[in-house]
Amino acid sequence: MNERILRSAGIDYDGALARFVGKCAIYEKYLAKFLEDEHAKDAAAAFEKGDYSEMLEQTHALKGVAGTLGMTALYEASSDIVKDLRENKKENLQEKLTKLLEECSRLKAIIETA
């Protein structure tokens, strides 16, 4: 993968690589696996059903993946939703979920081209 493209996409390449003990091949393997990640889609499906417990579970899992892989904007979007759900704040979830889905799609497109 092209490190420059990943960095320009806002991925904290150095921080993520450190979490993978400098093993580029393993880090890039997990970046590629992110293309198959369904947590955002599953969170959206849970939201549509009004299943906020499942939405919290899916978004929290995505937050962990994003944090591990250095996807700062996705991590922040996930964290924001997790915080709101834990505080039972539901009034802005649709907008926040849209932002999360857009960021997830953007990152997947970038990883495919990197």
Protein backbone atom coordinates (compact mmCIF):
# COMPACT_ATOMS: atom_id res chain seq x y z
CA MET A 1 0.00 0.00 0.00
CA ASN A 2 1.06 3.54 -0.61
CA GLU A 3 1.92 5.09 2.74
CA ARG A 4 1.71 8.61 1.32
CA ILE A 5 -1.90 8.10 0.17
CA LEU A 6 -2.87 6.70 3.56
CA ARG A 7 -1.26 9.63 5.39
CA SER A 8 -2.90 12.19 3.09
CA ALA A 9 -6.26 10.57 3.89
CA GLY A 10 -5.78 11.48 7.54
CA ILE A 11 -4.70 8.06 8.74
CA ASP A 12 -2.23 8.21 11.62
CA TYR A 13 0.13 5.80 9.89
CA ASP A 14 2.96 6.14 12.44
CA GLY A 15 0.71 5.67 15.47
CA ALA A 16 -1.01 2.67 13.93
CA LEU A 17 2.24 1.13 12.80
CA ALA A 18 3.56 1.47 16.36
CA ARG A 19 0.53 -0.50 17.61
CA PHE A 20 1.56 -3.22 15.15
CA VAL A 21 5.13 -3.13 16.50
CA GLY A 22 6.44 -1.71 13.23
CA LYS A 23 5.21 -4.67 11.18
CA CYS A 24 4.06 -3.00 7.96
CA ALA A 25 2.81 -6.19 6.35
CA ILE A 26 0.57 -7.04 9.30
CA TYR A 27 -0.76 -3.47 9.55
CA GLU A 28 -1.55 -3.41 5.85
CA LYS A 29 -3.23 -6.82 6.13
CA TYR A 30 -5.61 -5.38 8.72
CA LEU A 31 -6.18 -2.26 6.65
CA ALA A 32 -7.22 -4.55 3.80
CA LYS A 33 -9.52 -6.48 6.15
CA PHE A 34 -11.21 -3.18 6.99
CA LEU A 35 -12.69 -3.24 3.48
CA GLU A 36 -14.90 -6.12 4.69
CA ASP A 37 -15.84 -4.48 7.99
CA GLU A 38 -19.61 -4.34 8.49
CA HIS A 39 -19.82 -2.51 11.85
CA ALA A 40 -20.97 0.80 10.34
CA LYS A 41 -23.60 -0.92 8.18
CA ASP A 42 -24.79 -2.97 11.15
CA ALA A 43 -24.96 0.15 13.34
CA ALA A 44 -27.11 1.84 10.68
CA ALA A 45 -29.42 -1.19 10.51
CA ALA A 46 -29.76 -1.17 14.30
CA PHE A 47 -30.56 2.56 14.22
CA GLU A 48 -33.30 1.98 11.64
CA LYS A 49 -34.84 -0.66 13.94
CA GLY A 50 -34.51 1.58 16.98
CA ASP A 51 -32.19 -0.97 18.61
CA TYR A 52 -29.89 1.46 20.37
CA SER A 53 -28.19 -1.27 22.40
CA GLU A 54 -27.08 -3.02 19.20
CA MET A 55 -26.14 0.32 17.66
CA LEU A 56 -23.93 1.02 20.67
CA GLU A 57 -22.31 -2.40 20.41
CA GLN A 58 -21.57 -2.02 16.68
CA THR A 59 -20.36 1.56 16.96
CA HIS A 60 -18.15 0.72 19.94
CA ALA A 61 -16.57 -2.13 17.97
CA LEU A 62 -15.97 0.20 15.01
CA LYS A 63 -14.39 2.73 17.37
CA GLY A 64 -11.89 0.07 18.44
CA VAL A 65 -11.06 -0.90 14.87
CA ALA A 66 -10.68 2.73 13.82
CA GLY A 67 -8.47 3.54 16.79
CA THR A 68 -6.23 0.55 16.21
CA LEU A 69 -5.85 1.31 12.50
CA GLY A 70 -5.15 5.03 13.03
CA MET A 71 -8.36 6.24 11.40
CA THR A 72 -8.65 9.37 13.51
CA ALA A 73 -11.77 10.94 11.97
CA LEU A 74 -13.66 7.64 12.02
CA TYR A 75 -12.55 7.04 15.60
CA GLU A 76 -13.85 10.48 16.61
CA ALA A 77 -17.16 9.99 14.78
CA SER A 78 -17.61 6.61 16.46
CA SER A 79 -16.65 7.98 19.87
CA ASP A 80 -19.19 10.77 19.52
CA ILE A 81 -22.01 8.30 18.83
CA VAL A 82 -20.90 5.96 21.62
CA LYS A 83 -20.88 8.87 24.07
CA ASP A 84 -24.37 9.99 23.04
CA LEU A 85 -25.79 6.49 23.25
CA ARG A 86 -24.30 5.94 26.69
CA GLU A 87 -25.85 9.23 27.81
CA ASN A 88 -29.17 8.28 26.16
CA LYS A 89 -28.96 11.29 23.81
CA LYS A 90 -30.70 10.39 20.57
CA GLU A 91 -31.63 13.72 19.01
CA ASN A 92 -28.65 14.05 16.62
CA LEU A 93 -27.92 10.40 15.95
CA GLN A 94 -29.10 10.47 12.33
CA GLU A 95 -26.66 13.23 11.37
CA LYS A 96 -23.82 11.65 13.31
CA LEU A 97 -24.51 8.26 11.77
CA THR A 98 -24.51 9.78 8.30
CA LYS A 99 -21.13 11.37 9.01
CA LEU A 100 -19.79 8.04 10.29
CA LEU A 101 -21.03 6.15 7.22
CA GLU A 102 -19.54 8.75 4.86
CA GLU A 103 -16.17 8.61 6.61
CA CYS A 104 -16.20 4.82 6.55
CA SER A 105 -16.94 4.80 2.81
CA ARG A 106 -14.27 7.43 2.15
CA LEU A 107 -11.63 5.40 3.97
CA LYS A 108 -12.58 2.18 2.22
CA ALA A 109 -12.27 3.89 -1.18
CA ILE A 110 -8.85 5.26 -0.25
CA ILE A 111 -7.60 1.93 1.05
CA GLU A 112 -8.72 0.22 -2.17
CA THR A 113 -6.60 2.64 -4.21
CA ALA A 114 -3.61 2.74 -1.86
